[in-house]
Structure formats: C-alpha cells, structure tokens
Amino acid sequence: MITRDFNRPSIALWGLANETPVTPERNLFLGNLAKYVRTLDTTRLLSAALEVHSSRQDVREIDDPLGEYLDVLGCNEYLSWYDDRNVLSLDTIKWSTKYNKPLIISELGADALFGNHGDVKTRFTEEYQAEFYKHQLAMLSKINFLTGMSPWILADFRSPRRPLPVIQDFWNRKGLLSERGEKKQAWYLLNAFYKKR
C-alpha cells in the first residue's frame, strides 16, 4: 500500500493495526513493522486502533505497548453499544494515557435503521443512535489530548455478520445515512457538531 499510494495527498497517516490483542509476539511484530514503515515513508505519521482498558468503571486507559511506536494514538470507541452500560454513564467517563501523544477516535457509533423510530432508550431506533452520539460527543469533547474522530460510518453497508431480521438483514446499520442516502437523525446532530468546530 505504501509503494502504491505514496503520492496520494489524501493519506495523512498510515494505520498499522486494528484492535489487535496485546501479546508479546504482537508487540514485537508491530514494533518491527512500525520501524519498517518509517524506512518506506518518512513523511507520514503512524497510528493504530489500540486496545483500551478500564481499571475503574469510569476511566478508560490507553496504555497499549504499541503506543510507544506510534505518532498518533487511535482507538475505536463503542461504550454503551457493545456492552451493557447505559448511555448516560458516558457522561462521567474520563480518559487517560501514559503517552504524551495526540489521540484520534478511529471509530464510534451505534446502529439505527432509517425510519425506525422510538424513544431514546430503544436500540436500533434513530432516536437511540442520535442520543448515543450526543453522549459520546460530550464525553469525547472532555479529552484534552483528542485531536480528531471519525464516526463509523457514513452510509449503511452490506455485512454478512449482521443477521438480525428486519432491522439489519445483513446490513451494518451504523451509517449516518441509509444505504439509499437517506439522512438519519444522527447525521443532523453530527453536522451541527462539526459546524461548531
């Protein structure tokens, strides 16, 4: 990829890994890979979606050993989507890292089927997805070393790992837009958020 895409101006950094479990073998391999990438391209920053853990219910710690080799820390953030937390619990979570490096949230989001409406507590509704983002954005805005984030994802896409009948039907529904380009409530919320920046 580096040889092929070296001259593409849209590439700001190289991603080395995505949510790889921490083991000595992984650390050695990815540490060596980081060194090798730097020999191929000395101009771009290196990042990876790191493992994050919690020593306490209200603290997310970024201390993955791979962070030592990176220029920009990355992580995918789905608190209250893939666990049993209430979305309101996000308001009290704090973030820390042992690295003096910037952080990007490389993924965040929750599923919603376009046109599926209900209250803010009902999963897979547009209201729940918008409420999720509201609390995620409030939590992330308090991270003093956060430098960017990327909602996952712009538009719903086919996924064989999403078999929930009627709601998913083999589509990942985390899009801000439906597969037909229809704007979900979360799209408007994020649009307003980015306009303020």
N, C-alpha and C. Protein backbone atom coordinates (compact mmCIF):
# COMPACT_ATOMS: atom_id res chain seq x y z
N MET A 1 0.83 -1.20 0.00
CA MET A 1 0.00 0.00 0.00
C MET A 1 0.86 1.26 0.00
N ILE A 2 1.94 1.24 0.76
CA ILE A 2 2.78 2.43 0.82
C ILE A 2 3.42 2.69 -0.55
N THR A 3 3.92 1.64 -1.19
CA THR A 3 4.51 1.80 -2.52
C THR A 3 3.47 2.28 -3.52
N ARG A 4 2.28 1.70 -3.46
CA ARG A 4 1.22 2.06 -4.40
C ARG A 4 0.69 3.46 -4.16
N ASP A 5 0.47 3.82 -2.87
CA ASP A 5 -0.26 5.05 -2.54
C ASP A 5 0.62 6.18 -2.00
N PHE A 6 1.90 6.05 -2.14
CA PHE A 6 2.84 7.01 -1.57
C PHE A 6 2.53 8.46 -1.94
N ASN A 7 2.13 8.70 -3.18
CA ASN A 7 1.91 10.07 -3.65
C ASN A 7 0.47 10.56 -3.51
N ARG A 8 -0.38 9.82 -2.86
CA ARG A 8 -1.77 10.27 -2.69
C ARG A 8 -1.83 11.33 -1.59
N PRO A 9 -2.25 12.55 -1.92
CA PRO A 9 -2.26 13.63 -0.92
C PRO A 9 -3.32 13.44 0.17
N SER A 10 -4.30 12.56 -0.06
CA SER A 10 -5.35 12.38 0.94
C SER A 10 -4.90 11.51 2.12
N ILE A 11 -3.78 10.86 2.00
CA ILE A 11 -3.29 10.00 3.09
C ILE A 11 -2.45 10.83 4.04
N ALA A 12 -2.95 10.96 5.26
CA ALA A 12 -2.25 11.75 6.29
C ALA A 12 -1.42 10.88 7.20
N LEU A 13 -1.85 9.63 7.39
CA LEU A 13 -1.11 8.72 8.26
C LEU A 13 -1.34 7.29 7.81
N TRP A 14 -0.44 6.43 8.24
CA TRP A 14 -0.55 5.01 7.96
C TRP A 14 -1.07 4.30 9.20
N GLY A 15 -2.06 3.44 9.02
CA GLY A 15 -2.60 2.65 10.11
C GLY A 15 -1.95 1.28 10.12
N LEU A 16 -1.32 0.94 11.25
CA LEU A 16 -0.60 -0.33 11.35
C LEU A 16 -1.47 -1.51 11.74
N ALA A 17 -2.50 -1.28 12.54
CA ALA A 17 -3.28 -2.39 13.07
C ALA A 17 -4.63 -1.90 13.56
N ASN A 18 -5.55 -2.84 13.74
CA ASN A 18 -6.89 -2.52 14.21
C ASN A 18 -7.31 -3.52 15.28
N GLU A 19 -7.35 -3.06 16.52
CA GLU A 19 -7.85 -3.86 17.64
C GLU A 19 -7.17 -5.22 17.77
N THR A 20 -5.86 -5.24 17.68
CA THR A 20 -5.12 -6.49 17.82
C THR A 20 -4.87 -6.76 19.30
N PRO A 21 -5.18 -7.98 19.77
CA PRO A 21 -4.96 -8.31 21.19
C PRO A 21 -3.48 -8.17 21.58
N VAL A 22 -3.24 -7.65 22.77
CA VAL A 22 -1.88 -7.41 23.24
C VAL A 22 -1.24 -8.73 23.65
N THR A 23 -0.16 -9.07 22.95
CA THR A 23 0.67 -10.22 23.30
C THR A 23 2.12 -9.84 23.02
N PRO A 24 3.10 -10.51 23.62
CA PRO A 24 4.50 -10.19 23.32
C PRO A 24 4.82 -10.36 21.82
N GLU A 25 4.25 -11.38 21.19
CA GLU A 25 4.51 -11.63 19.77
C GLU A 25 3.94 -10.49 18.91
N ARG A 26 2.75 -10.07 19.24
CA ARG A 26 2.14 -8.96 18.51
C ARG A 26 2.94 -7.68 18.69
N ASN A 27 3.36 -7.41 19.91
CA ASN A 27 4.14 -6.20 20.18
C ASN A 27 5.44 -6.19 19.39
N LEU A 28 6.12 -7.33 19.35
CA LEU A 28 7.37 -7.44 18.59
C LEU A 28 7.12 -7.24 17.10
N PHE A 29 6.12 -7.95 16.57
CA PHE A 29 5.83 -7.84 15.14
C PHE A 29 5.45 -6.42 14.74
N LEU A 30 4.50 -5.82 15.46
CA LEU A 30 4.04 -4.48 15.08
C LEU A 30 5.09 -3.41 15.37
N GLY A 31 5.90 -3.60 16.41
CA GLY A 31 7.02 -2.67 16.64
C GLY A 31 7.99 -2.68 15.48
N ASN A 32 8.32 -3.88 15.00
CA ASN A 32 9.21 -4.00 13.83
C ASN A 32 8.55 -3.46 12.57
N LEU A 33 7.24 -3.69 12.44
CA LEU A 33 6.52 -3.16 11.28
C LEU A 33 6.56 -1.63 11.28
N ALA A 34 6.39 -1.02 12.44
CA ALA A 34 6.46 0.44 12.53
C ALA A 34 7.82 0.96 12.07
N LYS A 35 8.88 0.29 12.51
CA LYS A 35 10.23 0.70 12.09
C LYS A 35 10.39 0.56 10.58
N TYR A 36 9.87 -0.53 10.02
CA TYR A 36 9.97 -0.76 8.58
C TYR A 36 9.19 0.30 7.80
N VAL A 37 7.97 0.60 8.25
CA VAL A 37 7.15 1.62 7.58
C VAL A 37 7.89 2.95 7.54
N ARG A 38 8.58 3.28 8.60
CA ARG A 38 9.32 4.56 8.64
C ARG A 38 10.46 4.58 7.62
N THR A 39 10.98 3.43 7.23
CA THR A 39 12.01 3.41 6.18
C THR A 39 11.40 3.63 4.80
N LEU A 40 10.11 3.28 4.65
CA LEU A 40 9.43 3.44 3.37
C LEU A 40 8.85 4.83 3.17
N ASP A 41 8.45 5.46 4.27
CA ASP A 41 7.84 6.79 4.19
C ASP A 41 8.19 7.57 5.45
N THR A 42 9.05 8.54 5.30
CA THR A 42 9.48 9.36 6.45
C THR A 42 8.60 10.59 6.65
N THR A 43 7.58 10.76 5.79
CA THR A 43 6.79 11.99 5.82
C THR A 43 5.45 11.86 6.54
N ARG A 44 4.93 10.66 6.65
CA ARG A 44 3.60 10.50 7.23
C ARG A 44 3.67 9.93 8.64
N LEU A 45 2.62 10.23 9.41
CA LEU A 45 2.52 9.76 10.79
C LEU A 45 2.01 8.32 10.83
N LEU A 46 2.32 7.63 11.91
CA LEU A 46 1.85 6.26 12.12
C LEU A 46 0.81 6.23 13.22
N SER A 47 -0.22 5.40 13.02
CA SER A 47 -1.27 5.23 14.02
C SER A 47 -1.74 3.79 14.00
N ALA A 48 -2.59 3.44 14.96
CA ALA A 48 -3.24 2.13 15.03
C ALA A 48 -4.40 2.26 16.00
N ALA A 49 -5.42 1.45 15.79
CA ALA A 49 -6.53 1.38 16.74
C ALA A 49 -6.10 0.46 17.87
N LEU A 50 -5.77 1.06 19.00
CA LEU A 50 -5.18 0.35 20.13
C LEU A 50 -6.23 -0.29 21.03
N GLU A 51 -5.76 -1.23 21.84
CA GLU A 51 -6.60 -1.81 22.88
C GLU A 51 -6.67 -0.80 24.04
N VAL A 52 -7.84 -0.62 24.58
CA VAL A 52 -8.07 0.30 25.69
C VAL A 52 -8.68 -0.52 26.82
N HIS A 53 -8.28 -0.23 28.05
CA HIS A 53 -8.87 -0.98 29.16
C HIS A 53 -9.33 -0.02 30.25
N SER A 54 -10.06 -0.57 31.19
CA SER A 54 -10.59 0.22 32.30
C SER A 54 -10.11 -0.38 33.61
N SER A 55 -9.39 0.40 34.39
CA SER A 55 -9.01 -0.05 35.73
C SER A 55 -10.13 0.26 36.71
N ARG A 56 -10.96 1.23 36.32
CA ARG A 56 -12.16 1.59 37.09
C ARG A 56 -13.30 1.77 36.11
N GLN A 57 -14.51 1.66 36.58
CA GLN A 57 -15.70 1.76 35.73
C GLN A 57 -15.76 3.09 34.98
N ASP A 58 -15.20 4.16 35.57
CA ASP A 58 -15.34 5.49 34.96
C ASP A 58 -14.06 6.01 34.32
N VAL A 59 -13.06 5.13 34.09
CA VAL A 59 -11.80 5.57 33.47
C VAL A 59 -11.43 4.63 32.33
N ARG A 60 -11.13 5.21 31.17
CA ARG A 60 -10.61 4.46 30.02
C ARG A 60 -9.13 4.80 29.90
N GLU A 61 -8.28 3.78 29.94
CA GLU A 61 -6.83 3.98 29.91
C GLU A 61 -6.22 3.47 28.61
N ILE A 62 -5.43 4.33 28.01
CA ILE A 62 -4.71 3.94 26.80
C ILE A 62 -3.25 3.72 27.22
N ASP A 63 -2.91 2.46 27.42
CA ASP A 63 -1.54 2.12 27.80
C ASP A 63 -1.01 0.93 26.99
N ASP A 64 -1.63 0.66 25.87
CA ASP A 64 -1.21 -0.40 24.97
C ASP A 64 0.26 -0.19 24.61
N PRO A 65 1.12 -1.21 24.75
CA PRO A 65 2.55 -1.05 24.45
C PRO A 65 2.84 -0.58 23.02
N LEU A 66 1.93 -0.85 22.09
CA LEU A 66 2.14 -0.40 20.72
C LEU A 66 2.18 1.13 20.63
N GLY A 67 1.56 1.82 21.57
CA GLY A 67 1.56 3.28 21.58
C GLY A 67 2.95 3.88 21.55
N GLU A 68 3.92 3.16 22.07
CA GLU A 68 5.31 3.62 22.08
C GLU A 68 5.85 3.86 20.67
N TYR A 69 5.37 3.09 19.70
CA TYR A 69 5.89 3.17 18.33
C TYR A 69 5.11 4.11 17.43
N LEU A 70 4.02 4.66 17.93
CA LEU A 70 3.12 5.47 17.10
C LEU A 70 3.33 6.96 17.29
N ASP A 71 2.92 7.71 16.28
CA ASP A 71 2.90 9.17 16.38
C ASP A 71 1.55 9.66 16.91
N VAL A 72 0.50 8.95 16.53
CA VAL A 72 -0.87 9.30 16.90
C VAL A 72 -1.54 8.05 17.46
N LEU A 73 -2.07 8.15 18.67
CA LEU A 73 -2.80 7.05 19.26
C LEU A 73 -4.18 6.98 18.60
N GLY A 74 -4.69 5.79 18.45
CA GLY A 74 -6.03 5.62 17.90
C GLY A 74 -6.80 4.61 18.73
N CYS A 75 -8.10 4.74 18.74
CA CYS A 75 -8.93 3.69 19.34
C CYS A 75 -10.33 3.77 18.77
N ASN A 76 -10.97 2.62 18.79
CA ASN A 76 -12.36 2.51 18.37
C ASN A 76 -13.21 2.53 19.63
N GLU A 77 -14.24 3.36 19.65
CA GLU A 77 -14.99 3.60 20.89
C GLU A 77 -16.47 3.28 20.71
N TYR A 78 -16.92 2.21 21.36
CA TYR A 78 -18.32 1.82 21.29
C TYR A 78 -18.92 1.59 22.67
N LEU A 79 -18.43 2.30 23.68
CA LEU A 79 -19.02 2.17 25.01
C LEU A 79 -20.52 2.40 24.93
N SER A 80 -21.26 1.55 25.59
CA SER A 80 -22.72 1.53 25.68
C SER A 80 -23.38 0.96 24.43
N TRP A 81 -22.62 0.59 23.42
CA TRP A 81 -23.22 -0.12 22.29
C TRP A 81 -22.94 -1.62 22.40
N TYR A 82 -21.68 -1.98 22.57
CA TYR A 82 -21.32 -3.40 22.66
C TYR A 82 -21.17 -3.88 24.10
N ASP A 83 -21.58 -3.09 25.07
CA ASP A 83 -21.58 -3.54 26.45
C ASP A 83 -22.91 -3.15 27.09
N ASP A 84 -23.06 -3.44 28.36
CA ASP A 84 -24.36 -3.21 29.00
C ASP A 84 -24.47 -1.87 29.72
N ARG A 85 -23.58 -0.93 29.40
CA ARG A 85 -23.66 0.39 30.01
C ARG A 85 -24.88 1.15 29.51
N ASN A 86 -25.42 1.96 30.38
CA ASN A 86 -26.44 2.92 29.98
C ASN A 86 -25.73 4.08 29.30
N VAL A 87 -26.29 4.59 28.24
CA VAL A 87 -25.65 5.68 27.50
C VAL A 87 -25.38 6.88 28.40
N LEU A 88 -26.17 7.09 29.45
CA LEU A 88 -25.94 8.20 30.37
C LEU A 88 -24.64 8.04 31.15
N SER A 89 -24.16 6.81 31.30
CA SER A 89 -22.91 6.58 32.04
C SER A 89 -21.71 7.19 31.33
N LEU A 90 -21.84 7.46 30.04
CA LEU A 90 -20.73 8.04 29.29
C LEU A 90 -20.37 9.43 29.80
N ASP A 91 -21.34 10.12 30.39
CA ASP A 91 -21.12 11.49 30.84
C ASP A 91 -20.06 11.59 31.94
N THR A 92 -19.80 10.50 32.65
CA THR A 92 -18.85 10.54 33.77
C THR A 92 -17.51 9.88 33.46
N ILE A 93 -17.34 9.33 32.28
CA ILE A 93 -16.10 8.61 31.96
C ILE A 93 -14.98 9.59 31.63
N LYS A 94 -13.81 9.29 32.18
CA LYS A 94 -12.61 10.09 31.93
C LYS A 94 -11.61 9.22 31.17
N TRP A 95 -10.73 9.88 30.45
CA TRP A 95 -9.73 9.19 29.64
C TRP A 95 -8.33 9.57 30.11
N SER A 96 -7.42 8.60 30.04
CA SER A 96 -6.03 8.89 30.39
C SER A 96 -5.11 8.07 29.49
N THR A 97 -3.87 8.51 29.40
CA THR A 97 -2.85 7.76 28.66
C THR A 97 -1.50 8.03 29.28
N LYS A 98 -0.63 7.07 29.16
CA LYS A 98 0.73 7.26 29.65
C LYS A 98 1.63 7.89 28.58
N TYR A 99 1.08 8.02 27.37
CA TYR A 99 1.85 8.59 26.27
C TYR A 99 1.52 10.07 26.09
N ASN A 100 2.51 10.85 25.80
CA ASN A 100 2.30 12.26 25.52
C ASN A 100 2.12 12.42 24.01
N LYS A 101 0.99 11.89 23.52
CA LYS A 101 0.73 11.87 22.08
C LYS A 101 -0.73 12.20 21.83
N PRO A 102 -1.04 12.71 20.64
CA PRO A 102 -2.44 13.00 20.32
C PRO A 102 -3.23 11.71 20.09
N LEU A 103 -4.55 11.82 20.25
CA LEU A 103 -5.46 10.69 20.09
C LEU A 103 -6.49 11.01 19.02
N ILE A 104 -6.77 10.00 18.19
CA ILE A 104 -7.94 10.07 17.31
C ILE A 104 -8.86 8.90 17.67
N ILE A 105 -10.14 9.16 17.68
CA ILE A 105 -11.10 8.08 17.82
C ILE A 105 -11.40 7.63 16.40
N SER A 106 -10.88 6.45 16.06
CA SER A 106 -10.94 5.99 14.68
C SER A 106 -12.30 5.42 14.30
N GLU A 107 -13.10 5.03 15.29
CA GLU A 107 -14.47 4.58 15.05
C GLU A 107 -15.31 4.90 16.27
N LEU A 108 -16.54 5.34 16.03
CA LEU A 108 -17.55 5.43 17.08
C LEU A 108 -18.90 5.40 16.41
N GLY A 109 -19.88 4.86 17.09
CA GLY A 109 -21.21 4.84 16.50
C GLY A 109 -22.11 3.79 17.10
N ALA A 110 -23.35 3.79 16.64
CA ALA A 110 -24.37 2.83 17.06
C ALA A 110 -25.30 2.61 15.86
N ASP A 111 -25.90 1.45 15.81
CA ASP A 111 -26.78 1.10 14.69
C ASP A 111 -28.16 1.74 14.82
N ALA A 112 -28.72 2.10 13.67
CA ALA A 112 -30.12 2.54 13.59
C ALA A 112 -30.62 2.26 12.18
N LEU A 113 -31.81 1.71 12.10
CA LEU A 113 -32.46 1.51 10.82
C LEU A 113 -33.19 2.79 10.45
N PHE A 114 -32.90 3.32 9.26
CA PHE A 114 -33.57 4.55 8.84
C PHE A 114 -35.09 4.35 8.89
N GLY A 115 -35.78 5.32 9.50
CA GLY A 115 -37.23 5.27 9.59
C GLY A 115 -37.75 4.47 10.78
N ASN A 116 -36.85 3.83 11.53
CA ASN A 116 -37.25 3.09 12.72
C ASN A 116 -37.23 4.07 13.89
N HIS A 117 -38.39 4.41 14.40
CA HIS A 117 -38.49 5.43 15.44
C HIS A 117 -39.00 4.85 16.75
N GLY A 118 -38.59 5.48 17.84
CA GLY A 118 -38.99 5.08 19.18
C GLY A 118 -38.39 6.06 20.16
N ASP A 119 -38.31 5.66 21.41
CA ASP A 119 -37.71 6.57 22.39
C ASP A 119 -36.19 6.40 22.38
N VAL A 120 -35.51 7.26 23.13
CA VAL A 120 -34.05 7.27 23.13
C VAL A 120 -33.43 6.05 23.80
N LYS A 121 -34.25 5.21 24.44
CA LYS A 121 -33.74 4.01 25.10
C LYS A 121 -33.90 2.75 24.25
N THR A 122 -34.54 2.87 23.09
CA THR A 122 -34.81 1.71 22.26
C THR A 122 -33.73 1.57 21.18
N ARG A 123 -32.94 0.51 21.34
CA ARG A 123 -31.84 0.27 20.41
C ARG A 123 -32.35 0.11 18.98
N PHE A 124 -31.51 0.48 18.04
CA PHE A 124 -31.75 0.40 16.60
C PHE A 124 -32.75 1.45 16.11
N THR A 125 -33.18 2.37 16.97
CA THR A 125 -34.01 3.48 16.50
C THR A 125 -33.11 4.66 16.16
N GLU A 126 -33.61 5.54 15.32
CA GLU A 126 -32.87 6.76 15.01
C GLU A 126 -32.66 7.60 16.26
N GLU A 127 -33.65 7.59 17.16
CA GLU A 127 -33.54 8.38 18.38
C GLU A 127 -32.43 7.85 19.29
N TYR A 128 -32.32 6.53 19.39
CA TYR A 128 -31.24 5.95 20.20
C TYR A 128 -29.88 6.31 19.62
N GLN A 129 -29.72 6.16 18.31
CA GLN A 129 -28.44 6.47 17.67
C GLN A 129 -28.06 7.93 17.90
N ALA A 130 -29.01 8.84 17.76
CA ALA A 130 -28.73 10.26 17.99
C ALA A 130 -28.36 10.51 19.45
N GLU A 131 -29.09 9.88 20.37
CA GLU A 131 -28.79 10.04 21.79
C GLU A 131 -27.41 9.48 22.12
N PHE A 132 -27.06 8.35 21.52
CA PHE A 132 -25.75 7.75 21.69
C PHE A 132 -24.66 8.76 21.30
N TYR A 133 -24.79 9.33 20.10
CA TYR A 133 -23.80 10.30 19.64
C TYR A 133 -23.76 11.53 20.55
N LYS A 134 -24.89 11.98 21.02
CA LYS A 134 -24.94 13.15 21.90
C LYS A 134 -24.05 12.92 23.12
N HIS A 135 -24.19 11.77 23.75
CA HIS A 135 -23.39 11.47 24.95
C HIS A 135 -21.94 11.12 24.60
N GLN A 136 -21.73 10.44 23.48
CA GLN A 136 -20.36 10.15 23.04
C GLN A 136 -19.60 11.46 22.79
N LEU A 137 -20.21 12.38 22.07
CA LEU A 137 -19.56 13.65 21.75
C LEU A 137 -19.26 14.44 23.02
N ALA A 138 -20.17 14.44 23.97
CA ALA A 138 -19.94 15.15 25.24
C ALA A 138 -18.75 14.53 25.97
N MET A 139 -18.69 13.20 26.01
CA MET A 139 -17.58 12.52 26.68
C MET A 139 -16.26 12.81 25.96
N LEU A 140 -16.25 12.66 24.65
CA LEU A 140 -15.01 12.83 23.89
C LEU A 140 -14.53 14.27 23.91
N SER A 141 -15.44 15.22 23.98
CA SER A 141 -15.05 16.64 23.99
C SER A 141 -14.25 17.01 25.24
N LYS A 142 -14.30 16.18 26.27
CA LYS A 142 -13.55 16.45 27.51
C LYS A 142 -12.13 15.90 27.49
N ILE A 143 -11.77 15.16 26.45
CA ILE A 143 -10.42 14.57 26.37
C ILE A 143 -9.46 15.64 25.85
N ASN A 144 -8.54 16.08 26.70
CA ASN A 144 -7.68 17.20 26.30
C ASN A 144 -6.62 16.79 25.26
N PHE A 145 -6.38 15.51 25.06
CA PHE A 145 -5.40 15.09 24.05
C PHE A 145 -6.08 14.53 22.79
N LEU A 146 -7.40 14.69 22.68
CA LEU A 146 -8.12 14.25 21.49
C LEU A 146 -7.92 15.26 20.37
N THR A 147 -7.56 14.77 19.19
CA THR A 147 -7.32 15.67 18.05
C THR A 147 -8.22 15.39 16.86
N GLY A 148 -8.99 14.31 16.93
CA GLY A 148 -9.89 14.02 15.82
C GLY A 148 -10.71 12.77 16.08
N MET A 149 -11.74 12.61 15.26
CA MET A 149 -12.58 11.41 15.38
C MET A 149 -13.28 11.17 14.06
N SER A 150 -13.66 9.91 13.88
CA SER A 150 -14.34 9.53 12.65
C SER A 150 -15.53 8.64 12.98
N PRO A 151 -16.75 9.16 12.84
CA PRO A 151 -17.91 8.31 13.06
C PRO A 151 -17.86 7.09 12.14
N TRP A 152 -18.28 5.94 12.66
CA TRP A 152 -18.33 4.73 11.85
C TRP A 152 -19.79 4.47 11.54
N ILE A 153 -20.24 4.77 10.44
CA ILE A 153 -19.63 5.05 9.16
C ILE A 153 -20.60 5.98 8.43
N LEU A 154 -20.22 6.50 7.29
CA LEU A 154 -21.09 7.44 6.60
C LEU A 154 -22.41 6.80 6.16
N ALA A 155 -22.35 5.65 5.50
CA ALA A 155 -23.58 5.03 4.98
C ALA A 155 -23.62 3.55 5.34
N ASP A 156 -24.82 3.05 5.58
CA ASP A 156 -25.01 1.63 5.85
C ASP A 156 -24.40 0.80 4.72
N PHE A 157 -23.86 -0.35 5.07
CA PHE A 157 -23.23 -1.21 4.06
C PHE A 157 -23.53 -2.67 4.36
N ARG A 158 -23.47 -3.49 3.34
CA ARG A 158 -23.75 -4.93 3.49
C ARG A 158 -22.72 -5.58 4.40
N SER A 159 -23.20 -6.48 5.26
CA SER A 159 -22.31 -7.19 6.17
C SER A 159 -22.91 -8.55 6.52
N PRO A 160 -22.23 -9.64 6.14
CA PRO A 160 -22.77 -10.96 6.46
C PRO A 160 -22.80 -11.24 7.97
N ARG A 161 -22.13 -10.42 8.75
CA ARG A 161 -22.10 -10.62 10.20
C ARG A 161 -23.22 -9.87 10.93
N ARG A 162 -24.19 -9.35 10.21
CA ARG A 162 -25.29 -8.60 10.80
C ARG A 162 -26.62 -9.23 10.38
N PRO A 163 -26.97 -10.39 10.98
CA PRO A 163 -28.15 -11.13 10.52
C PRO A 163 -29.48 -10.77 11.18
N LEU A 164 -29.53 -9.80 12.10
CA LEU A 164 -30.77 -9.51 12.82
C LEU A 164 -31.91 -9.23 11.83
N PRO A 165 -32.96 -10.07 11.85
CA PRO A 165 -34.06 -9.90 10.89
C PRO A 165 -34.75 -8.54 11.04
N VAL A 166 -35.22 -8.04 9.94
CA VAL A 166 -35.98 -6.79 9.81
C VAL A 166 -35.09 -5.56 10.04
N ILE A 167 -34.33 -5.54 11.14
CA ILE A 167 -33.51 -4.37 11.46
C ILE A 167 -32.24 -4.33 10.60
N GLN A 168 -31.49 -5.41 10.61
CA GLN A 168 -30.22 -5.43 9.88
C GLN A 168 -30.34 -6.13 8.52
N ASP A 169 -30.87 -7.33 8.51
CA ASP A 169 -30.98 -8.10 7.26
C ASP A 169 -29.67 -8.11 6.48
N PHE A 170 -28.58 -8.34 7.20
CA PHE A 170 -27.23 -8.41 6.63
C PHE A 170 -26.72 -7.05 6.13
N TRP A 171 -27.09 -6.01 6.87
CA TRP A 171 -26.56 -4.66 6.66
C TRP A 171 -25.99 -4.17 7.98
N ASN A 172 -24.84 -3.53 7.95
CA ASN A 172 -24.33 -2.81 9.12
C ASN A 172 -25.07 -1.47 9.11
N ARG A 173 -25.81 -1.19 10.18
CA ARG A 173 -26.69 -0.02 10.23
C ARG A 173 -26.08 1.14 11.02
N LYS A 174 -24.76 1.17 11.14
CA LYS A 174 -24.13 2.28 11.86
C LYS A 174 -23.99 3.54 11.01
N GLY A 175 -24.41 3.48 9.79
CA GLY A 175 -24.31 4.63 8.91
C GLY A 175 -25.10 5.84 9.41
N LEU A 176 -24.57 7.01 9.10
CA LEU A 176 -25.33 8.25 9.34
C LEU A 176 -26.38 8.44 8.25
N LEU A 177 -26.15 7.73 7.15
CA LEU A 177 -27.09 7.69 6.04
C LEU A 177 -27.51 6.24 5.83
N SER A 178 -28.71 6.03 5.31
CA SER A 178 -29.12 4.68 4.93
C SER A 178 -28.36 4.28 3.68
N GLU A 179 -28.52 3.05 3.27
CA GLU A 179 -27.87 2.58 2.03
C GLU A 179 -28.42 3.32 0.81
N ARG A 180 -29.55 3.99 0.95
CA ARG A 180 -30.13 4.78 -0.14
C ARG A 180 -29.80 6.27 -0.03
N GLY A 181 -28.96 6.63 0.96
CA GLY A 181 -28.55 8.02 1.12
C GLY A 181 -29.49 8.87 1.95
N GLU A 182 -30.46 8.25 2.63
CA GLU A 182 -31.40 9.00 3.46
C GLU A 182 -30.73 9.36 4.79
N LYS A 183 -30.88 10.61 5.22
CA LYS A 183 -30.21 11.11 6.43
C LYS A 183 -30.95 10.69 7.68
N LYS A 184 -30.22 10.04 8.58
CA LYS A 184 -30.78 9.67 9.88
C LYS A 184 -30.64 10.86 10.82
N GLN A 185 -31.33 10.81 11.96
CA GLN A 185 -31.25 11.91 12.93
C GLN A 185 -29.82 12.20 13.36
N ALA A 186 -29.01 11.16 13.50
CA ALA A 186 -27.61 11.34 13.93
C ALA A 186 -26.82 12.16 12.91
N TRP A 187 -27.18 12.08 11.65
CA TRP A 187 -26.49 12.87 10.63
C TRP A 187 -26.62 14.36 10.94
N TYR A 188 -27.82 14.78 11.28
CA TYR A 188 -28.05 16.20 11.58
C TYR A 188 -27.32 16.63 12.85
N LEU A 189 -27.29 15.75 13.84
CA LEU A 189 -26.59 16.05 15.08
C LEU A 189 -25.08 16.24 14.82
N LEU A 190 -24.49 15.32 14.07
CA LEU A 190 -23.06 15.43 13.77
C LEU A 190 -22.76 16.60 12.84
N ASN A 191 -23.65 16.87 11.92
CA ASN A 191 -23.47 18.01 11.04
C ASN A 191 -23.39 19.30 11.85
N ALA A 192 -24.28 19.46 12.82
CA ALA A 192 -24.27 20.65 13.68
C ALA A 192 -23.00 20.68 14.54
N PHE A 193 -22.60 19.52 15.04
CA PHE A 193 -21.38 19.44 15.86
C PHE A 193 -20.15 19.90 15.09
N TYR A 194 -19.98 19.39 13.87
CA TYR A 194 -18.80 19.76 13.08
C TYR A 194 -18.84 21.23 12.63
N LYS A 195 -20.01 21.77 12.41
CA LYS A 195 -20.10 23.18 12.01
C LYS A 195 -19.63 24.11 13.11
N LYS A 196 -19.72 23.68 14.38
CA LYS A 196 -19.27 24.49 15.50
C LYS A 196 -17.76 24.48 15.66
N ARG A 197 -17.09 23.53 15.07
CA ARG A 197 -15.64 23.36 15.25
C ARG A 197 -14.86 24.30 14.39
